[in-house]
Amino acid sequence: MSEPRLIFVISDATGETAEKVVRAALLQFTSVPVQLRMYTRVRLEAEMRSIINRAKQMKALVVFTVVSTAHRELLRRLCDEENVDAVDLIGTLMAKLSSYLGSQPKGVPGLLHTIGDEYFRRIEAVEFTVRNDDGREPRNLPKADLVLVGISRTSKTPLSTFLAQKGLKVANVPLVLGIDPPKELFDIDQERVFGLTIKGEALGQIRQARLKHLGMPADTSYGQRDHIAQEIAYAQSVFRQNPSWPVIDITGKAVEETAADILRIKKDRDAQRAAG
């Protein structure tokens, strides 16, 4: 069997795009053994010179995806000087796009990979939040970026979902009259916990609408003023016992407004931690 031909793939990012393109093209040449060598996050001239010199010695074909114009020109020049065959996978396309769109490329390596990471981070956050809605998995509370605590109908679930779409893993824990919160809630970093409260009259209207939607009697204790007052008082007592929890009144607020309040507090706390 003949010696495999070598292809050096050079990228200033992860190299995934270039590798996939080259492997897809190689499917048309299965009769010839080929070995790919990946050189990723190559951004220094010394690295480029070393790789091109190695390619010359090993008679390798160089395929590169480099977004920096200066680095692309350097690679082209080095390949010409060393008489190394090379293919610029992205340069020609970017030049054509620049001309067609009338705009210059950003020249920032790894943007595609960054977008991918962000997308998957958000998906993971949403999945975590769905699994940990309504106190379902107290053992997962240490993994949450934020934990929302409040009585029923204080927007815990929609608020959790909204924050999860921003990439935060959110759990929420209901406060139920006569039932102690899970012990795990008090074992985690207390600065991740946020209390949610609401005015009694507003909560009464929300719960009455809920009862009507479910076809339940309006005089069910869940929607009665006295019972609601007891629940709010119980929640307030829990909040007083945990003074490090910011308590946010959601009365009359859209989910986006409450989320902005929480994110602002979180940002301030993160800044304080970073400062020392």
C-alpha atoms as a PDB file:
ATOM      1  CA  MET A   1       0.000   0.000   0.000  1.00  0.00           C
ATOM      2  CA  SER A   2       1.339   3.449  -0.924  1.00  0.00           C
ATOM      3  CA  GLU A   3       2.304   6.027   1.671  1.00  0.00           C
ATOM      4  CA  PRO A   4      -0.572   8.342   2.633  1.00  0.00           C
ATOM      5  CA  ARG A   5      -0.536  11.821   1.181  1.00  0.00           C
ATOM      6  CA  LEU A   6      -0.469  14.577   3.794  1.00  0.00           C
ATOM      7  CA  ILE A   7      -2.771  17.552   4.104  1.00  0.00           C
ATOM      8  CA  PHE A   8      -1.999  20.195   6.716  1.00  0.00           C
ATOM      9  CA  VAL A   9      -5.094  22.112   7.835  1.00  0.00           C
ATOM     10  CA  ILE A  10      -4.249  25.471   9.421  1.00  0.00           C
ATOM     11  CA  SER A  11      -6.838  27.555  11.262  1.00  0.00           C
ATOM     12  CA  ASP A  12      -6.765  30.576  13.557  1.00  0.00           C
ATOM     13  CA  ALA A  13      -9.808  29.133  15.377  1.00  0.00           C
ATOM     14  CA  THR A  14     -10.959  25.557  16.062  1.00  0.00           C
ATOM     15  CA  GLY A  15     -10.396  24.294  12.519  1.00  0.00           C
ATOM     16  CA  GLU A  16     -13.732  22.439  12.532  1.00  0.00           C
ATOM     17  CA  THR A  17     -15.048  24.185   9.421  1.00  0.00           C
ATOM     18  CA  ALA A  18     -11.916  23.527   7.394  1.00  0.00           C
ATOM     19  CA  GLU A  19     -11.710  19.907   8.521  1.00  0.00           C
ATOM     20  CA  LYS A  20     -15.325  19.215   7.512  1.00  0.00           C
ATOM     21  CA  VAL A  21     -14.853  20.819   4.098  1.00  0.00           C
ATOM     22  CA  VAL A  22     -11.653  18.887   3.397  1.00  0.00           C
ATOM     23  CA  ARG A  23     -13.088  15.574   4.583  1.00  0.00           C
ATOM     24  CA  ALA A  24     -16.217  16.124   2.470  1.00  0.00           C
ATOM     25  CA  ALA A  25     -14.042  16.732  -0.604  1.00  0.00           C
ATOM     26  CA  LEU A  26     -11.878  13.686   0.169  1.00  0.00           C
ATOM     27  CA  LEU A  27     -14.928  11.424  -0.077  1.00  0.00           C
ATOM     28  CA  GLN A  28     -14.468  11.788  -3.829  1.00  0.00           C
ATOM     29  CA  PHE A  29     -10.929  10.357  -3.606  1.00  0.00           C
ATOM     30  CA  THR A  30     -11.305   7.205  -1.536  1.00  0.00           C
ATOM     31  CA  SER A  31      -8.748   5.275  -3.594  1.00  0.00           C
ATOM     32  CA  VAL A  32      -5.893   7.450  -2.323  1.00  0.00           C
ATOM     33  CA  PRO A  33      -4.826   7.217   1.348  1.00  0.00           C
ATOM     34  CA  VAL A  34      -4.735  10.650   2.959  1.00  0.00           C
ATOM     35  CA  GLN A  35      -3.718  11.799   6.406  1.00  0.00           C
ATOM     36  CA  LEU A  36      -4.953  15.090   7.845  1.00  0.00           C
ATOM     37  CA  ARG A  37      -2.921  17.031  10.357  1.00  0.00           C
ATOM     38  CA  MET A  38      -4.746  19.785  12.206  1.00  0.00           C
ATOM     39  CA  TYR A  39      -3.038  22.979  13.359  1.00  0.00           C
ATOM     40  CA  THR A  40      -5.583  25.065  15.265  1.00  0.00           C
ATOM     41  CA  ARG A  41      -5.534  28.512  16.858  1.00  0.00           C
ATOM     42  CA  VAL A  42      -2.452  29.427  14.825  1.00  0.00           C
ATOM     43  CA  ARG A  43      -2.032  33.197  15.155  1.00  0.00           C
ATOM     44  CA  LEU A  44       1.719  33.779  15.493  1.00  0.00           C
ATOM     45  CA  GLU A  45       4.137  34.252  12.600  1.00  0.00           C
ATOM     46  CA  ALA A  46       6.662  31.885  14.159  1.00  0.00           C
ATOM     47  CA  GLU A  47       4.043  29.109  14.264  1.00  0.00           C
ATOM     48  CA  MET A  48       3.122  29.687  10.637  1.00  0.00           C
ATOM     49  CA  ARG A  49       6.743  29.579   9.491  1.00  0.00           C
ATOM     50  CA  SER A  50       7.347  26.341  11.403  1.00  0.00           C
ATOM     51  CA  ILE A  51       4.255  24.640   9.947  1.00  0.00           C
ATOM     52  CA  ILE A  52       5.002  25.697   6.375  1.00  0.00           C
ATOM     53  CA  ASN A  53       8.606  24.535   6.728  1.00  0.00           C
ATOM     54  CA  ARG A  54       7.333  21.143   7.950  1.00  0.00           C
ATOM     55  CA  ALA A  55       4.869  20.989   5.045  1.00  0.00           C
ATOM     56  CA  LYS A  56       7.725  21.586   2.613  1.00  0.00           C
ATOM     57  CA  GLN A  57       9.825  18.803   4.137  1.00  0.00           C
ATOM     58  CA  MET A  58       6.900  16.345   4.080  1.00  0.00           C
ATOM     59  CA  LYS A  59       5.550  17.458   0.672  1.00  0.00           C
ATOM     60  CA  ALA A  60       2.168  18.207   2.221  1.00  0.00           C
ATOM     61  CA  LEU A  61      -0.702  20.212   0.783  1.00  0.00           C
ATOM     62  CA  VAL A  62      -1.650  23.154   3.016  1.00  0.00           C
ATOM     63  CA  VAL A  63      -5.292  24.129   3.431  1.00  0.00           C
ATOM     64  CA  PHE A  64      -5.959  27.159   5.590  1.00  0.00           C
ATOM     65  CA  THR A  65      -8.897  29.122   6.980  1.00  0.00           C
ATOM     66  CA  VAL A  66      -7.586  32.328   8.471  1.00  0.00           C
ATOM     67  CA  VAL A  67      -9.810  35.398   8.788  1.00  0.00           C
ATOM     68  CA  SER A  68      -7.069  37.947   9.416  1.00  0.00           C
ATOM     69  CA  THR A  69      -6.072  39.558   6.113  1.00  0.00           C
ATOM     70  CA  ALA A  70      -2.490  40.061   7.301  1.00  0.00           C
ATOM     71  CA  HIS A  71      -2.150  36.430   8.377  1.00  0.00           C
ATOM     72  CA  ARG A  72      -3.651  35.156   5.124  1.00  0.00           C
ATOM     73  CA  GLU A  73      -1.174  37.210   3.115  1.00  0.00           C
ATOM     74  CA  LEU A  74       1.663  35.935   5.285  1.00  0.00           C
ATOM     75  CA  LEU A  75       0.641  32.301   4.755  1.00  0.00           C
ATOM     76  CA  ARG A  76       0.334  32.820   1.018  1.00  0.00           C
ATOM     77  CA  ARG A  77       3.788  34.421   0.869  1.00  0.00           C
ATOM     78  CA  LEU A  78       5.405  31.694   2.989  1.00  0.00           C
ATOM     79  CA  CYS A  79       3.867  28.987   0.797  1.00  0.00           C
ATOM     80  CA  ASP A  80       5.095  30.737  -2.347  1.00  0.00           C
ATOM     81  CA  GLU A  81       8.586  31.171  -0.917  1.00  0.00           C
ATOM     82  CA  GLU A  82       8.817  27.505   0.094  1.00  0.00           C
ATOM     83  CA  ASN A  83       7.052  26.260  -3.045  1.00  0.00           C
ATOM     84  CA  VAL A  84       4.314  24.575  -0.983  1.00  0.00           C
ATOM     85  CA  ASP A  85       0.939  23.907  -2.598  1.00  0.00           C
ATOM     86  CA  ALA A  86      -1.776  25.739  -0.671  1.00  0.00           C
ATOM     87  CA  VAL A  87      -5.512  26.391  -0.750  1.00  0.00           C
ATOM     88  CA  ASP A  88      -7.045  29.449   0.925  1.00  0.00           C
ATOM     89  CA  LEU A  89     -10.510  28.124   1.801  1.00  0.00           C
ATOM     90  CA  ILE A  90     -12.042  31.305   3.174  1.00  0.00           C
ATOM     91  CA  GLY A  91     -10.076  34.188   1.655  1.00  0.00           C
ATOM     92  CA  THR A  92     -11.574  34.073  -1.838  1.00  0.00           C
ATOM     93  CA  LEU A  93     -15.106  33.777  -0.455  1.00  0.00           C
ATOM     94  CA  MET A  94     -14.615  36.687   1.957  1.00  0.00           C
ATOM     95  CA  ALA A  95     -13.171  38.864  -0.798  1.00  0.00           C
ATOM     96  CA  LYS A  96     -16.174  38.132  -3.000  1.00  0.00           C
ATOM     97  CA  LEU A  97     -18.623  38.753  -0.123  1.00  0.00           C
ATOM     98  CA  SER A  98     -16.882  42.000   0.756  1.00  0.00           C
ATOM     99  CA  SER A  99     -17.249  43.214  -2.818  1.00  0.00           C
ATOM    100  CA  TYR A 100     -20.862  42.064  -3.125  1.00  0.00           C
ATOM    101  CA  LEU A 101     -21.992  43.402   0.270  1.00  0.00           C
ATOM    102  CA  GLY A 102     -19.948  46.573   0.160  1.00  0.00           C
ATOM    103  CA  SER A 103     -18.624  45.894   3.646  1.00  0.00           C
ATOM    104  CA  GLN A 104     -15.358  44.798   5.210  1.00  0.00           C
ATOM    105  CA  PRO A 105     -15.205  41.537   7.228  1.00  0.00           C
ATOM    106  CA  LYS A 106     -14.645  41.781  10.977  1.00  0.00           C
ATOM    107  CA  GLY A 107     -11.522  39.644  10.835  1.00  0.00           C
ATOM    108  CA  VAL A 108     -12.289  38.035  14.215  1.00  0.00           C
ATOM    109  CA  PRO A 109     -11.267  34.357  14.489  1.00  0.00           C
ATOM    110  CA  GLY A 110     -13.740  31.804  15.841  1.00  0.00           C
ATOM    111  CA  LEU A 111     -16.997  33.737  15.454  1.00  0.00           C
ATOM    112  CA  LEU A 112     -18.867  30.695  14.139  1.00  0.00           C
ATOM    113  CA  HIS A 113     -17.673  28.574  17.034  1.00  0.00           C
ATOM    114  CA  THR A 114     -18.565  31.327  19.494  1.00  0.00           C
ATOM    115  CA  ILE A 115     -22.097  31.515  18.133  1.00  0.00           C
ATOM    116  CA  GLY A 116     -22.363  27.732  18.398  1.00  0.00           C
ATOM    117  CA  ASP A 117     -21.198  27.736  22.011  1.00  0.00           C
ATOM    118  CA  GLU A 118     -23.693  30.454  22.911  1.00  0.00           C
ATOM    119  CA  TYR A 119     -26.543  28.600  21.219  1.00  0.00           C
ATOM    120  CA  PHE A 120     -25.823  25.333  23.006  1.00  0.00           C
ATOM    121  CA  ARG A 121     -25.357  27.132  26.324  1.00  0.00           C
ATOM    122  CA  ARG A 122     -28.855  28.570  26.000  1.00  0.00           C
ATOM    123  CA  ILE A 123     -30.350  25.222  25.031  1.00  0.00           C
ATOM    124  CA  GLU A 124     -28.700  23.610  28.057  1.00  0.00           C
ATOM    125  CA  ALA A 125     -30.006  26.384  30.308  1.00  0.00           C
ATOM    126  CA  VAL A 126     -33.581  26.002  29.051  1.00  0.00           C
ATOM    127  CA  GLU A 127     -33.461  22.218  29.482  1.00  0.00           C
ATOM    128  CA  PHE A 128     -32.137  22.607  33.033  1.00  0.00           C
ATOM    129  CA  THR A 129     -34.825  25.155  33.869  1.00  0.00           C
ATOM    130  CA  VAL A 130     -37.653  22.978  32.577  1.00  0.00           C
ATOM    131  CA  ARG A 131     -36.382  20.014  34.599  1.00  0.00           C
ATOM    132  CA  ASN A 132     -36.129  22.089  37.753  1.00  0.00           C
ATOM    133  CA  ASP A 133     -39.425  23.957  37.616  1.00  0.00           C
ATOM    134  CA  ASP A 134     -41.647  24.203  40.694  1.00  0.00           C
ATOM    135  CA  GLY A 135     -39.142  22.642  43.107  1.00  0.00           C
ATOM    136  CA  ARG A 136     -39.061  19.394  41.161  1.00  0.00           C
ATOM    137  CA  GLU A 137     -35.409  18.486  41.780  1.00  0.00           C
ATOM    138  CA  PRO A 138     -34.036  20.137  44.960  1.00  0.00           C
ATOM    139  CA  ARG A 139     -30.783  18.167  44.592  1.00  0.00           C
ATOM    140  CA  ASN A 140     -30.031  20.220  41.471  1.00  0.00           C
ATOM    141  CA  LEU A 141     -30.205  23.589  43.234  1.00  0.00           C
ATOM    142  CA  PRO A 142     -26.384  23.804  43.611  1.00  0.00           C
ATOM    143  CA  LYS A 143     -26.106  23.678  39.802  1.00  0.00           C
ATOM    144  CA  ALA A 144     -28.436  26.645  39.269  1.00  0.00           C
ATOM    145  CA  ASP A 145     -27.166  30.119  38.394  1.00  0.00           C
ATOM    146  CA  LEU A 146     -30.316  31.592  39.936  1.00  0.00           C
ATOM    147  CA  VAL A 147     -33.042  30.260  42.237  1.00  0.00           C
ATOM    148  CA  LEU A 148     -36.432  31.993  42.403  1.00  0.00           C
ATOM    149  CA  VAL A 149     -38.578  31.556  45.504  1.00  0.00           C
ATOM    150  CA  GLY A 150     -42.198  32.580  45.980  1.00  0.00           C
ATOM    151  CA  ILE A 151     -45.769  31.467  46.557  1.00  0.00           C
ATOM    152  CA  SER A 152     -47.999  30.231  43.771  1.00  0.00           C
ATOM    153  CA  ARG A 153     -48.682  32.621  40.863  1.00  0.00           C
ATOM    154  CA  THR A 154     -45.756  34.951  41.457  1.00  0.00           C
ATOM    155  CA  SER A 155     -44.479  34.376  37.890  1.00  0.00           C
ATOM    156  CA  LYS A 156     -41.775  31.921  38.917  1.00  0.00           C
ATOM    157  CA  THR A 157     -42.111  29.700  35.847  1.00  0.00           C
ATOM    158  CA  PRO A 158     -42.399  32.352  33.096  1.00  0.00           C
ATOM    159  CA  LEU A 159     -39.630  34.353  34.726  1.00  0.00           C
ATOM    160  CA  SER A 160     -37.393  31.271  34.942  1.00  0.00           C
ATOM    161  CA  THR A 161     -37.997  30.487  31.282  1.00  0.00           C
ATOM    162  CA  PHE A 162     -37.261  34.062  30.215  1.00  0.00           C
ATOM    163  CA  LEU A 163     -33.963  34.101  32.120  1.00  0.00           C
ATOM    164  CA  ALA A 164     -33.035  30.654  30.789  1.00  0.00           C
ATOM    165  CA  GLN A 165     -33.304  31.982  27.252  1.00  0.00           C
ATOM    166  CA  LYS A 166     -30.485  34.352  28.183  1.00  0.00           C
ATOM    167  CA  GLY A 167     -28.295  31.374  29.055  1.00  0.00           C
ATOM    168  CA  LEU A 168     -28.868  31.175  32.814  1.00  0.00           C
ATOM    169  CA  LYS A 169     -29.722  27.911  34.529  1.00  0.00           C
ATOM    170  CA  VAL A 170     -32.696  28.780  36.733  1.00  0.00           C
ATOM    171  CA  ALA A 171     -34.526  26.707  39.326  1.00  0.00           C
ATOM    172  CA  ASN A 172     -37.608  27.843  41.196  1.00  0.00           C
ATOM    173  CA  VAL A 173     -38.937  26.745  44.555  1.00  0.00           C
ATOM    174  CA  PRO A 174     -42.568  27.241  45.662  1.00  0.00           C
ATOM    175  CA  LEU A 175     -43.322  28.439  49.163  1.00  0.00           C
ATOM    176  CA  VAL A 176     -46.275  26.447  50.449  1.00  0.00           C
ATOM    177  CA  LEU A 177     -48.083  27.340  53.650  1.00  0.00           C
ATOM    178  CA  GLY A 178     -47.352  24.744  56.317  1.00  0.00           C
ATOM    179  CA  ILE A 179     -44.511  23.069  54.411  1.00  0.00           C
ATOM    180  CA  ASP A 180     -40.848  23.865  55.034  1.00  0.00           C
ATOM    181  CA  PRO A 181     -38.753  24.721  51.955  1.00  0.00           C
ATOM    182  CA  PRO A 182     -36.242  22.020  50.955  1.00  0.00           C
ATOM    183  CA  LYS A 183     -33.070  22.068  53.039  1.00  0.00           C
ATOM    184  CA  GLU A 184     -30.983  22.233  49.844  1.00  0.00           C
ATOM    185  CA  LEU A 185     -32.233  25.787  49.340  1.00  0.00           C
ATOM    186  CA  PHE A 186     -30.250  26.942  52.368  1.00  0.00           C
ATOM    187  CA  ASP A 187     -27.089  25.006  51.552  1.00  0.00           C
ATOM    188  CA  ILE A 188     -26.331  26.816  48.276  1.00  0.00           C
ATOM    189  CA  ASP A 189     -24.756  30.229  47.706  1.00  0.00           C
ATOM    190  CA  GLN A 190     -27.480  32.476  49.123  1.00  0.00           C
ATOM    191  CA  GLU A 191     -26.624  35.312  46.753  1.00  0.00           C
ATOM    192  CA  ARG A 192     -28.095  33.223  43.934  1.00  0.00           C
ATOM    193  CA  VAL A 193     -31.527  33.181  45.596  1.00  0.00           C
ATOM    194  CA  PHE A 194     -34.204  35.777  44.816  1.00  0.00           C
ATOM    195  CA  GLY A 195     -37.562  36.128  46.532  1.00  0.00           C
ATOM    196  CA  LEU A 196     -40.699  37.090  44.616  1.00  0.00           C
ATOM    197  CA  THR A 197     -43.687  38.763  46.225  1.00  0.00           C
ATOM    198  CA  ILE A 198     -46.927  40.372  45.084  1.00  0.00           C
ATOM    199  CA  LYS A 199     -49.713  42.527  46.527  1.00  0.00           C
ATOM    200  CA  GLY A 200     -52.654  40.522  47.892  1.00  0.00           C
ATOM    201  CA  GLU A 201     -55.323  42.185  45.759  1.00  0.00           C
ATOM    202  CA  ALA A 202     -53.407  41.574  42.537  1.00  0.00           C
ATOM    203  CA  LEU A 203     -52.714  37.965  43.492  1.00  0.00           C
ATOM    204  CA  GLY A 204     -56.400  37.445  44.291  1.00  0.00           C
ATOM    205  CA  GLN A 205     -57.387  38.577  40.806  1.00  0.00           C
ATOM    206  CA  ILE A 206     -54.797  36.329  39.185  1.00  0.00           C
ATOM    207  CA  ARG A 207     -55.880  33.294  41.194  1.00  0.00           C
ATOM    208  CA  GLN A 208     -59.579  33.892  40.591  1.00  0.00           C
ATOM    209  CA  ALA A 209     -58.885  33.995  36.873  1.00  0.00           C
ATOM    210  CA  ARG A 210     -56.916  30.758  37.231  1.00  0.00           C
ATOM    211  CA  LEU A 211     -59.757  29.050  39.092  1.00  0.00           C
ATOM    212  CA  LYS A 212     -62.212  30.143  36.416  1.00  0.00           C
ATOM    213  CA  HIS A 213     -59.941  28.809  33.696  1.00  0.00           C
ATOM    214  CA  LEU A 214     -59.737  25.452  35.498  1.00  0.00           C
ATOM    215  CA  GLY A 215     -63.510  25.355  36.075  1.00  0.00           C
ATOM    216  CA  MET A 216     -63.097  25.329  39.867  1.00  0.00           C
ATOM    217  CA  PRO A 217     -65.364  27.091  42.406  1.00  0.00           C
ATOM    218  CA  ALA A 218     -64.525  30.726  43.081  1.00  0.00           C
ATOM    219  CA  ASP A 219     -64.754  30.151  46.838  1.00  0.00           C
ATOM    220  CA  THR A 220     -61.844  27.669  46.813  1.00  0.00           C
ATOM    221  CA  SER A 221     -59.380  28.690  49.543  1.00  0.00           C
ATOM    222  CA  TYR A 222     -56.658  29.110  46.891  1.00  0.00           C
ATOM    223  CA  GLY A 223     -58.409  32.265  45.705  1.00  0.00           C
ATOM    224  CA  GLN A 224     -59.731  33.594  49.002  1.00  0.00           C
ATOM    225  CA  ARG A 225     -58.432  36.839  50.461  1.00  0.00           C
ATOM    226  CA  ASP A 226     -57.721  35.494  53.973  1.00  0.00           C
ATOM    227  CA  HIS A 227     -55.828  32.473  52.674  1.00  0.00           C
ATOM    228  CA  ILE A 228     -53.820  34.622  50.278  1.00  0.00           C
ATOM    229  CA  ALA A 229     -52.924  37.002  53.114  1.00  0.00           C
ATOM    230  CA  GLN A 230     -51.664  34.062  55.169  1.00  0.00           C
ATOM    231  CA  GLU A 231     -49.534  32.814  52.276  1.00  0.00           C
ATOM    232  CA  ILE A 232     -48.011  36.245  51.692  1.00  0.00           C
ATOM    233  CA  ALA A 233     -47.295  36.622  55.407  1.00  0.00           C
ATOM    234  CA  TYR A 234     -45.641  33.199  55.464  1.00  0.00           C
ATOM    235  CA  ALA A 235     -43.476  34.103  52.462  1.00  0.00           C
ATOM    236  CA  GLN A 236     -42.481  37.390  54.104  1.00  0.00           C
ATOM    237  CA  SER A 237     -41.445  35.517  57.245  1.00  0.00           C
ATOM    238  CA  VAL A 238     -39.208  33.240  55.144  1.00  0.00           C
ATOM    239  CA  PHE A 239     -37.699  36.264  53.407  1.00  0.00           C
ATOM    240  CA  ARG A 240     -36.994  37.994  56.738  1.00  0.00           C
ATOM    241  CA  GLN A 241     -35.141  34.907  57.920  1.00  0.00           C
ATOM    242  CA  ASN A 242     -32.952  35.103  54.829  1.00  0.00           C
ATOM    243  CA  PRO A 243     -31.946  38.759  54.504  1.00  0.00           C
ATOM    244  CA  SER A 244     -29.380  38.083  51.754  1.00  0.00           C
ATOM    245  CA  TRP A 245     -32.207  37.254  49.343  1.00  0.00           C
ATOM    246  CA  PRO A 246     -33.302  40.282  47.343  1.00  0.00           C
ATOM    247  CA  VAL A 247     -37.110  40.403  47.375  1.00  0.00           C
ATOM    248  CA  ILE A 248     -38.750  41.755  44.236  1.00  0.00           C
ATOM    249  CA  ASP A 249     -42.377  42.861  44.117  1.00  0.00           C
ATOM    250  CA  ILE A 250     -43.788  41.719  40.782  1.00  0.00           C
ATOM    251  CA  THR A 251     -47.131  43.525  41.167  1.00  0.00           C
ATOM    252  CA  GLY A 252     -48.103  45.062  37.826  1.00  0.00           C
ATOM    253  CA  LYS A 253     -44.744  44.227  36.259  1.00  0.00           C
ATOM    254  CA  ALA A 254     -44.104  42.427  33.000  1.00  0.00           C
ATOM    255  CA  VAL A 255     -41.775  39.439  33.143  1.00  0.00           C
ATOM    256  CA  GLU A 256     -39.162  41.446  31.229  1.00  0.00           C
ATOM    257  CA  GLU A 257     -39.153  44.171  33.903  1.00  0.00           C
ATOM    258  CA  THR A 258     -38.699  41.716  36.757  1.00  0.00           C
ATOM    259  CA  ALA A 259     -35.971  39.906  34.842  1.00  0.00           C
ATOM    260  CA  ALA A 260     -34.153  43.210  34.287  1.00  0.00           C
ATOM    261  CA  ASP A 261     -34.252  43.882  38.051  1.00  0.00           C
ATOM    262  CA  ILE A 262     -32.812  40.453  38.814  1.00  0.00           C
ATOM    263  CA  LEU A 263     -30.098  40.720  36.176  1.00  0.00           C
ATOM    264  CA  ARG A 264     -29.089  44.171  37.414  1.00  0.00           C
ATOM    265  CA  ILE A 265     -28.683  42.903  40.979  1.00  0.00           C
ATOM    266  CA  LYS A 266     -26.788  39.834  39.764  1.00  0.00           C
ATOM    267  CA  LYS A 267     -24.475  41.997  37.651  1.00  0.00           C
ATOM    268  CA  ASP A 268     -23.747  44.305  40.610  1.00  0.00           C
ATOM    269  CA  ARG A 269     -23.001  41.333  42.869  1.00  0.00           C
ATOM    270  CA  ASP A 270     -20.750  39.690  40.283  1.00  0.00           C
ATOM    271  CA  ALA A 271     -18.864  42.983  39.909  1.00  0.00           C
ATOM    272  CA  GLN A 272     -18.407  43.249  43.676  1.00  0.00           C
ATOM    273  CA  ARG A 273     -17.057  39.719  43.813  1.00  0.00           C
ATOM    274  CA  ALA A 274     -14.642  40.364  40.976  1.00  0.00           C
ATOM    275  CA  ALA A 275     -13.425  43.508  42.716  1.00  0.00           C
ATOM    276  CA  GLY A 276     -12.539  41.608  45.742  1.00  0.00           C
END
